[in-house]
Amino acid sequence: MTKNLRNLLLAVGITFLVSCSKDEETLTVVSGEAQIANDTGLSFINSSGFSADYVSYKLRIGTGIEKEYGQSLLGYNYNEMQEGSKTIYQIEVYKDGEQIPFKAFINEEGGESTEVSSTSIIKITNEEILRILLDEQ
């Protein structure tokens, strides 16, 4: 009886130690990585050879209220927004505080690029960041 009780206590002790040694930090990192993959929004990116510091633009959903956005082009940044079609207009690109000429493109999945004109309709897809590439005019 004593041997069975000792084995039972040993099994409970090992189970307790194993359950207490879980690494919670690993779970946080995986959760953070999943969050990045699930973001929805819009990002402007400089093409190679083109250099700008900042972009500002306006968005409108249908005939609703317009909203002005701005984004730094230093590093990777994006503006979080809800999915759906939006009208983008009044895009202005700046370098060292001065407005500069530019062209804007959206690269499609098939390798083709669509130019974003002064007034264009863009589609924000759920859990994706729409990237608009800025280039020299």
N, C-alpha and C. Protein backbone atom coordinates (compact mmCIF):
# COMPACT_ATOMS: atom_id res chain seq x y z
N MET A 1 0.81 -1.18 0.00
CA MET A 1 0.00 0.00 0.00
C MET A 1 0.86 1.26 0.00
N THR A 2 1.94 1.25 0.76
CA THR A 2 2.84 2.39 0.84
C THR A 2 3.51 2.64 -0.51
N LYS A 3 3.85 1.58 -1.21
CA LYS A 3 4.50 1.70 -2.52
C LYS A 3 3.53 2.33 -3.52
N ASN A 4 2.27 1.93 -3.51
CA ASN A 4 1.27 2.51 -4.42
C ASN A 4 1.03 3.98 -4.10
N LEU A 5 0.97 4.31 -2.82
CA LEU A 5 0.77 5.70 -2.41
C LEU A 5 1.97 6.57 -2.82
N ARG A 6 3.15 6.03 -2.68
CA ARG A 6 4.36 6.75 -3.08
C ARG A 6 4.37 6.99 -4.59
N ASN A 7 4.01 5.97 -5.39
CA ASN A 7 3.96 6.12 -6.85
C ASN A 7 2.90 7.14 -7.27
N LEU A 8 1.76 7.11 -6.59
CA LEU A 8 0.71 8.06 -6.88
C LEU A 8 1.15 9.49 -6.58
N LEU A 9 1.78 9.71 -5.45
CA LEU A 9 2.28 11.04 -5.10
C LEU A 9 3.37 11.49 -6.06
N LEU A 10 4.22 10.58 -6.49
CA LEU A 10 5.26 10.89 -7.45
C LEU A 10 4.65 11.31 -8.79
N ALA A 11 3.63 10.59 -9.25
CA ALA A 11 2.96 10.92 -10.51
C ALA A 11 2.28 12.29 -10.43
N VAL A 12 1.61 12.57 -9.32
CA VAL A 12 0.97 13.88 -9.13
C VAL A 12 2.01 14.99 -9.09
N GLY A 13 3.12 14.75 -8.42
CA GLY A 13 4.19 15.75 -8.34
C GLY A 13 4.79 16.06 -9.69
N ILE A 14 5.05 15.05 -10.49
CA ILE A 14 5.63 15.26 -11.83
C ILE A 14 4.63 16.00 -12.71
N THR A 15 3.36 15.61 -12.65
CA THR A 15 2.33 16.29 -13.44
C THR A 15 2.24 17.76 -13.05
N PHE A 16 2.31 18.04 -11.75
CA PHE A 16 2.24 19.42 -11.27
C PHE A 16 3.44 20.23 -11.78
N LEU A 17 4.63 19.67 -11.70
CA LEU A 17 5.84 20.38 -12.16
C LEU A 17 5.79 20.64 -13.65
N VAL A 18 5.35 19.68 -14.44
CA VAL A 18 5.27 19.85 -15.89
C VAL A 18 4.25 20.92 -16.25
N SER A 19 3.11 20.93 -15.58
CA SER A 19 2.08 21.92 -15.90
C SER A 19 2.50 23.33 -15.48
N CYS A 20 3.33 23.47 -14.47
CA CYS A 20 3.78 24.79 -14.02
C CYS A 20 4.90 25.34 -14.88
N SER A 21 5.55 24.52 -15.68
CA SER A 21 6.72 24.97 -16.43
C SER A 21 6.38 25.42 -17.84
N LYS A 22 5.11 25.64 -18.17
CA LYS A 22 4.75 26.10 -19.51
C LYS A 22 5.30 27.50 -19.74
N ASP A 23 5.76 27.75 -20.95
CA ASP A 23 6.35 29.04 -21.29
C ASP A 23 5.26 29.96 -21.84
N GLU A 24 4.79 30.88 -21.03
CA GLU A 24 3.73 31.80 -21.43
C GLU A 24 4.23 32.81 -22.47
N GLU A 25 5.51 33.15 -22.47
CA GLU A 25 6.06 34.10 -23.43
C GLU A 25 5.89 33.60 -24.86
N THR A 26 6.08 32.32 -25.08
CA THR A 26 5.91 31.75 -26.42
C THR A 26 4.49 31.97 -26.92
N LEU A 27 3.51 31.80 -26.06
CA LEU A 27 2.13 32.01 -26.46
C LEU A 27 1.88 33.46 -26.83
N THR A 28 2.49 34.40 -26.14
CA THR A 28 2.33 35.82 -26.44
C THR A 28 2.92 36.15 -27.81
N VAL A 29 4.08 35.63 -28.12
CA VAL A 29 4.73 35.90 -29.40
C VAL A 29 3.88 35.36 -30.55
N VAL A 30 3.40 34.15 -30.42
CA VAL A 30 2.57 33.57 -31.47
C VAL A 30 1.31 34.40 -31.66
N SER A 31 0.70 34.85 -30.57
CA SER A 31 -0.49 35.69 -30.64
C SER A 31 -0.17 37.01 -31.35
N GLY A 32 0.98 37.61 -31.05
CA GLY A 32 1.38 38.86 -31.69
C GLY A 32 1.62 38.68 -33.18
N GLU A 33 2.25 37.57 -33.57
CA GLU A 33 2.48 37.30 -34.98
C GLU A 33 1.17 37.11 -35.72
N ALA A 34 0.22 36.46 -35.10
CA ALA A 34 -1.09 36.28 -35.72
C ALA A 34 -1.79 37.61 -35.90
N GLN A 35 -1.63 38.53 -34.95
CA GLN A 35 -2.26 39.84 -35.05
C GLN A 35 -1.72 40.61 -36.25
N ILE A 36 -0.41 40.56 -36.49
CA ILE A 36 0.17 41.26 -37.63
C ILE A 36 -0.39 40.71 -38.93
N ALA A 37 -0.54 39.41 -39.03
CA ALA A 37 -1.06 38.79 -40.24
C ALA A 37 -2.53 39.11 -40.46
N ASN A 38 -3.25 39.52 -39.42
CA ASN A 38 -4.68 39.76 -39.53
C ASN A 38 -5.04 41.23 -39.66
N ASP A 39 -4.09 42.12 -39.83
CA ASP A 39 -4.38 43.54 -39.91
C ASP A 39 -5.03 43.88 -41.26
N THR A 40 -5.87 44.90 -41.25
CA THR A 40 -6.57 45.36 -42.45
C THR A 40 -6.30 46.85 -42.58
N GLY A 41 -5.82 47.28 -43.76
CA GLY A 41 -5.56 48.71 -43.93
C GLY A 41 -4.89 49.06 -45.23
N LEU A 42 -4.22 50.21 -45.23
CA LEU A 42 -3.60 50.79 -46.42
C LEU A 42 -2.21 51.30 -46.08
N SER A 43 -1.25 51.03 -46.96
CA SER A 43 0.12 51.49 -46.75
C SER A 43 0.69 52.03 -48.06
N PHE A 44 1.41 53.13 -47.97
CA PHE A 44 2.17 53.68 -49.10
C PHE A 44 3.63 53.29 -48.93
N ILE A 45 4.28 52.94 -50.05
CA ILE A 45 5.67 52.48 -50.01
C ILE A 45 6.45 53.17 -51.13
N ASN A 46 7.66 53.63 -50.84
CA ASN A 46 8.54 54.19 -51.86
C ASN A 46 9.08 53.06 -52.74
N SER A 47 9.10 53.29 -54.07
CA SER A 47 9.75 52.32 -54.95
C SER A 47 11.26 52.53 -54.85
N SER A 48 12.03 51.59 -55.36
CA SER A 48 13.49 51.75 -55.32
C SER A 48 13.86 52.92 -56.23
N GLY A 49 14.69 53.79 -55.73
CA GLY A 49 15.09 54.97 -56.48
C GLY A 49 14.21 56.18 -56.22
N PHE A 50 13.08 56.01 -55.58
CA PHE A 50 12.20 57.14 -55.24
C PHE A 50 12.28 57.36 -53.74
N SER A 51 12.39 58.61 -53.34
CA SER A 51 12.55 58.90 -51.92
C SER A 51 11.59 60.01 -51.51
N ALA A 52 10.71 59.68 -50.58
CA ALA A 52 9.79 60.65 -50.01
C ALA A 52 9.68 60.37 -48.51
N ASP A 53 9.28 61.39 -47.75
CA ASP A 53 9.20 61.26 -46.29
C ASP A 53 7.78 61.02 -45.78
N TYR A 54 6.79 61.59 -46.49
CA TYR A 54 5.44 61.64 -45.94
C TYR A 54 4.42 61.68 -47.07
N VAL A 55 3.26 61.10 -46.84
CA VAL A 55 2.16 61.17 -47.79
C VAL A 55 0.88 61.53 -47.03
N SER A 56 0.06 62.36 -47.65
CA SER A 56 -1.26 62.66 -47.10
C SER A 56 -2.29 62.39 -48.19
N TYR A 57 -3.49 61.99 -47.77
CA TYR A 57 -4.54 61.67 -48.73
C TYR A 57 -5.88 61.72 -48.03
N LYS A 58 -6.94 61.76 -48.83
CA LYS A 58 -8.30 61.75 -48.29
C LYS A 58 -9.02 60.50 -48.79
N LEU A 59 -9.88 59.97 -47.95
CA LEU A 59 -10.71 58.81 -48.30
C LEU A 59 -12.16 59.15 -48.05
N ARG A 60 -13.01 58.58 -48.90
CA ARG A 60 -14.45 58.73 -48.72
C ARG A 60 -15.10 57.38 -49.00
N ILE A 61 -16.04 57.01 -48.15
CA ILE A 61 -16.80 55.78 -48.36
C ILE A 61 -18.14 56.19 -48.95
N GLY A 62 -18.39 55.79 -50.20
CA GLY A 62 -19.64 56.16 -50.89
C GLY A 62 -19.77 57.67 -50.97
N THR A 63 -20.92 58.17 -50.54
CA THR A 63 -21.13 59.63 -50.52
C THR A 63 -21.01 60.16 -49.10
N GLY A 64 -20.41 59.38 -48.24
CA GLY A 64 -20.28 59.74 -46.82
C GLY A 64 -19.23 60.80 -46.57
N ILE A 65 -18.89 60.93 -45.33
CA ILE A 65 -17.94 61.94 -44.86
C ILE A 65 -16.53 61.55 -45.28
N GLU A 66 -15.77 62.55 -45.71
CA GLU A 66 -14.37 62.31 -46.06
C GLU A 66 -13.51 62.36 -44.81
N LYS A 67 -12.40 61.63 -44.86
CA LYS A 67 -11.46 61.64 -43.74
C LYS A 67 -10.06 61.77 -44.31
N GLU A 68 -9.25 62.64 -43.70
CA GLU A 68 -7.88 62.85 -44.16
C GLU A 68 -6.93 61.99 -43.36
N TYR A 69 -5.96 61.39 -44.05
CA TYR A 69 -4.98 60.52 -43.43
C TYR A 69 -3.58 61.03 -43.78
N GLY A 70 -2.61 60.64 -42.98
CA GLY A 70 -1.22 60.91 -43.26
C GLY A 70 -0.39 59.72 -42.83
N GLN A 71 0.73 59.52 -43.51
CA GLN A 71 1.58 58.38 -43.17
C GLN A 71 3.04 58.72 -43.42
N SER A 72 3.87 58.40 -42.46
CA SER A 72 5.31 58.55 -42.65
C SER A 72 5.78 57.44 -43.58
N LEU A 73 6.72 57.78 -44.45
CA LEU A 73 7.28 56.79 -45.36
C LEU A 73 8.65 56.31 -44.90
N LEU A 74 9.02 56.69 -43.69
CA LEU A 74 10.28 56.23 -43.11
C LEU A 74 9.98 54.95 -42.34
N GLY A 75 10.48 53.84 -42.81
CA GLY A 75 10.16 52.55 -42.21
C GLY A 75 8.84 52.04 -42.76
N TYR A 76 8.32 50.98 -42.15
CA TYR A 76 7.05 50.41 -42.60
C TYR A 76 5.92 50.91 -41.71
N ASN A 77 4.96 51.59 -42.31
CA ASN A 77 3.80 52.10 -41.59
C ASN A 77 2.55 51.83 -42.41
N TYR A 78 1.42 51.81 -41.76
CA TYR A 78 0.15 51.69 -42.46
C TYR A 78 -0.95 52.29 -41.60
N ASN A 79 -2.08 52.59 -42.25
CA ASN A 79 -3.24 53.10 -41.54
C ASN A 79 -4.27 51.98 -41.48
N GLU A 80 -4.70 51.66 -40.27
CA GLU A 80 -5.70 50.62 -40.09
C GLU A 80 -7.06 51.17 -40.50
N MET A 81 -7.84 50.38 -41.23
CA MET A 81 -9.18 50.78 -41.62
C MET A 81 -10.04 49.57 -41.90
N GLN A 82 -11.33 49.79 -42.00
CA GLN A 82 -12.25 48.71 -42.26
C GLN A 82 -12.22 48.33 -43.73
N GLU A 83 -12.59 47.07 -44.00
CA GLU A 83 -12.62 46.60 -45.38
C GLU A 83 -13.74 47.29 -46.16
N GLY A 84 -13.59 47.27 -47.48
CA GLY A 84 -14.62 47.82 -48.36
C GLY A 84 -14.01 48.73 -49.41
N SER A 85 -14.86 49.18 -50.33
CA SER A 85 -14.43 50.09 -51.40
C SER A 85 -14.45 51.53 -50.88
N LYS A 86 -13.43 52.27 -51.28
CA LYS A 86 -13.30 53.66 -50.85
C LYS A 86 -12.78 54.49 -52.02
N THR A 87 -13.10 55.77 -52.02
CA THR A 87 -12.56 56.69 -53.01
C THR A 87 -11.37 57.38 -52.37
N ILE A 88 -10.22 57.29 -53.04
CA ILE A 88 -9.01 57.97 -52.55
C ILE A 88 -8.73 59.15 -53.48
N TYR A 89 -8.42 60.28 -52.89
CA TYR A 89 -8.15 61.47 -53.69
C TYR A 89 -7.27 62.44 -52.91
N GLN A 90 -6.87 63.48 -53.60
CA GLN A 90 -5.98 64.51 -53.06
C GLN A 90 -4.75 63.91 -52.39
N ILE A 91 -4.08 63.02 -53.11
CA ILE A 91 -2.85 62.42 -52.61
C ILE A 91 -1.72 63.43 -52.80
N GLU A 92 -0.99 63.69 -51.74
CA GLU A 92 0.15 64.61 -51.80
C GLU A 92 1.35 63.92 -51.16
N VAL A 93 2.49 64.01 -51.83
CA VAL A 93 3.71 63.36 -51.36
C VAL A 93 4.74 64.44 -51.06
N TYR A 94 5.45 64.28 -49.94
CA TYR A 94 6.41 65.29 -49.49
C TYR A 94 7.79 64.69 -49.24
N LYS A 95 8.80 65.51 -49.54
CA LYS A 95 10.18 65.18 -49.19
C LYS A 95 10.78 66.43 -48.57
N ASP A 96 11.34 66.29 -47.38
CA ASP A 96 11.93 67.42 -46.65
C ASP A 96 10.95 68.59 -46.52
N GLY A 97 9.66 68.27 -46.33
CA GLY A 97 8.64 69.30 -46.13
C GLY A 97 8.10 69.94 -47.39
N GLU A 98 8.64 69.58 -48.56
CA GLU A 98 8.18 70.16 -49.81
C GLU A 98 7.44 69.12 -50.64
N GLN A 99 6.34 69.55 -51.27
CA GLN A 99 5.56 68.64 -52.11
C GLN A 99 6.35 68.29 -53.36
N ILE A 100 6.33 67.01 -53.74
CA ILE A 100 7.08 66.55 -54.92
C ILE A 100 6.14 65.80 -55.87
N PRO A 101 6.47 65.79 -57.17
CA PRO A 101 5.65 65.05 -58.14
C PRO A 101 5.87 63.53 -57.98
N PHE A 102 4.85 62.74 -58.32
CA PHE A 102 4.93 61.30 -58.13
C PHE A 102 3.89 60.60 -59.01
N LYS A 103 4.03 59.30 -59.12
CA LYS A 103 3.02 58.41 -59.67
C LYS A 103 2.75 57.35 -58.61
N ALA A 104 1.52 56.86 -58.57
CA ALA A 104 1.16 55.84 -57.58
C ALA A 104 0.57 54.64 -58.31
N PHE A 105 0.96 53.43 -57.87
CA PHE A 105 0.52 52.19 -58.50
C PHE A 105 0.12 51.17 -57.44
N ILE A 106 -0.78 50.29 -57.84
CA ILE A 106 -1.11 49.11 -57.04
C ILE A 106 -0.70 47.91 -57.86
N ASN A 107 0.17 47.07 -57.31
CA ASN A 107 0.59 45.86 -58.01
C ASN A 107 -0.46 44.78 -57.80
N GLU A 108 -1.00 44.26 -58.89
CA GLU A 108 -2.01 43.21 -58.84
C GLU A 108 -1.34 41.86 -58.68
N GLU A 109 -2.13 40.84 -58.34
CA GLU A 109 -1.59 39.50 -58.13
C GLU A 109 -0.95 38.91 -59.38
N GLY A 110 -1.46 39.22 -60.56
CA GLY A 110 -0.93 38.67 -61.80
C GLY A 110 0.34 39.36 -62.28
N GLY A 111 0.87 40.29 -61.51
CA GLY A 111 2.10 40.99 -61.89
C GLY A 111 1.83 42.31 -62.60
N GLU A 112 0.59 42.59 -62.95
CA GLU A 112 0.26 43.86 -63.60
C GLU A 112 0.09 44.94 -62.54
N SER A 113 0.29 46.19 -62.96
CA SER A 113 0.12 47.30 -62.02
C SER A 113 -0.97 48.24 -62.53
N THR A 114 -1.75 48.76 -61.60
CA THR A 114 -2.82 49.69 -61.90
C THR A 114 -2.45 51.04 -61.32
N GLU A 115 -2.51 52.09 -62.16
CA GLU A 115 -2.17 53.42 -61.67
C GLU A 115 -3.29 53.97 -60.79
N VAL A 116 -2.91 54.58 -59.69
CA VAL A 116 -3.86 55.27 -58.82
C VAL A 116 -3.83 56.73 -59.24
N SER A 117 -4.94 57.20 -59.83
CA SER A 117 -4.98 58.58 -60.32
C SER A 117 -5.41 59.52 -59.20
N SER A 118 -5.65 60.79 -59.57
CA SER A 118 -6.00 61.79 -58.56
C SER A 118 -7.29 61.44 -57.83
N THR A 119 -8.20 60.73 -58.47
CA THR A 119 -9.40 60.21 -57.82
C THR A 119 -9.59 58.78 -58.29
N SER A 120 -9.44 57.83 -57.38
CA SER A 120 -9.55 56.40 -57.73
C SER A 120 -10.35 55.68 -56.67
N ILE A 121 -10.94 54.57 -57.09
CA ILE A 121 -11.64 53.69 -56.15
C ILE A 121 -10.68 52.57 -55.80
N ILE A 122 -10.47 52.36 -54.51
CA ILE A 122 -9.61 51.28 -54.04
C ILE A 122 -10.45 50.32 -53.20
N LYS A 123 -10.00 49.09 -53.10
CA LYS A 123 -10.73 48.10 -52.31
C LYS A 123 -9.82 47.58 -51.21
N ILE A 124 -10.25 47.78 -49.98
CA ILE A 124 -9.52 47.26 -48.82
C ILE A 124 -10.11 45.89 -48.51
N THR A 125 -9.28 44.87 -48.51
CA THR A 125 -9.71 43.50 -48.26
C THR A 125 -9.43 43.15 -46.80
N ASN A 126 -10.34 42.38 -46.23
CA ASN A 126 -10.20 41.96 -44.83
C ASN A 126 -8.90 41.19 -44.63
N GLU A 127 -8.20 41.49 -43.55
CA GLU A 127 -6.97 40.84 -43.13
C GLU A 127 -5.84 40.97 -44.16
N GLU A 128 -5.83 42.08 -44.91
CA GLU A 128 -4.75 42.38 -45.85
C GLU A 128 -4.43 43.86 -45.77
N ILE A 129 -3.18 44.17 -46.06
CA ILE A 129 -2.75 45.57 -46.16
C ILE A 129 -2.61 45.87 -47.65
N LEU A 130 -3.40 46.82 -48.17
CA LEU A 130 -3.27 47.25 -49.56
C LEU A 130 -2.04 48.16 -49.64
N ARG A 131 -1.12 47.81 -50.50
CA ARG A 131 0.13 48.58 -50.64
C ARG A 131 0.09 49.39 -51.93
N ILE A 132 0.29 50.69 -51.79
CA ILE A 132 0.35 51.58 -52.95
C ILE A 132 1.80 52.01 -53.10
N LEU A 133 2.36 51.74 -54.27
CA LEU A 133 3.76 52.01 -54.57
C LEU A 133 3.90 53.41 -55.16
N LEU A 134 4.80 54.22 -54.62
CA LEU A 134 5.07 55.56 -55.10
C LEU A 134 6.32 55.55 -55.97
N ASP A 135 6.28 56.25 -57.09
CA ASP A 135 7.41 56.28 -58.02
C ASP A 135 7.53 57.68 -58.63
N GLU A 136 8.63 57.91 -59.35
CA GLU A 136 8.86 59.19 -60.00
C GLU A 136 7.86 59.39 -61.13
N GLN A 137 7.51 60.65 -61.35
CA GLN A 137 6.55 60.98 -62.40
C GLN A 137 7.24 61.08 -63.73
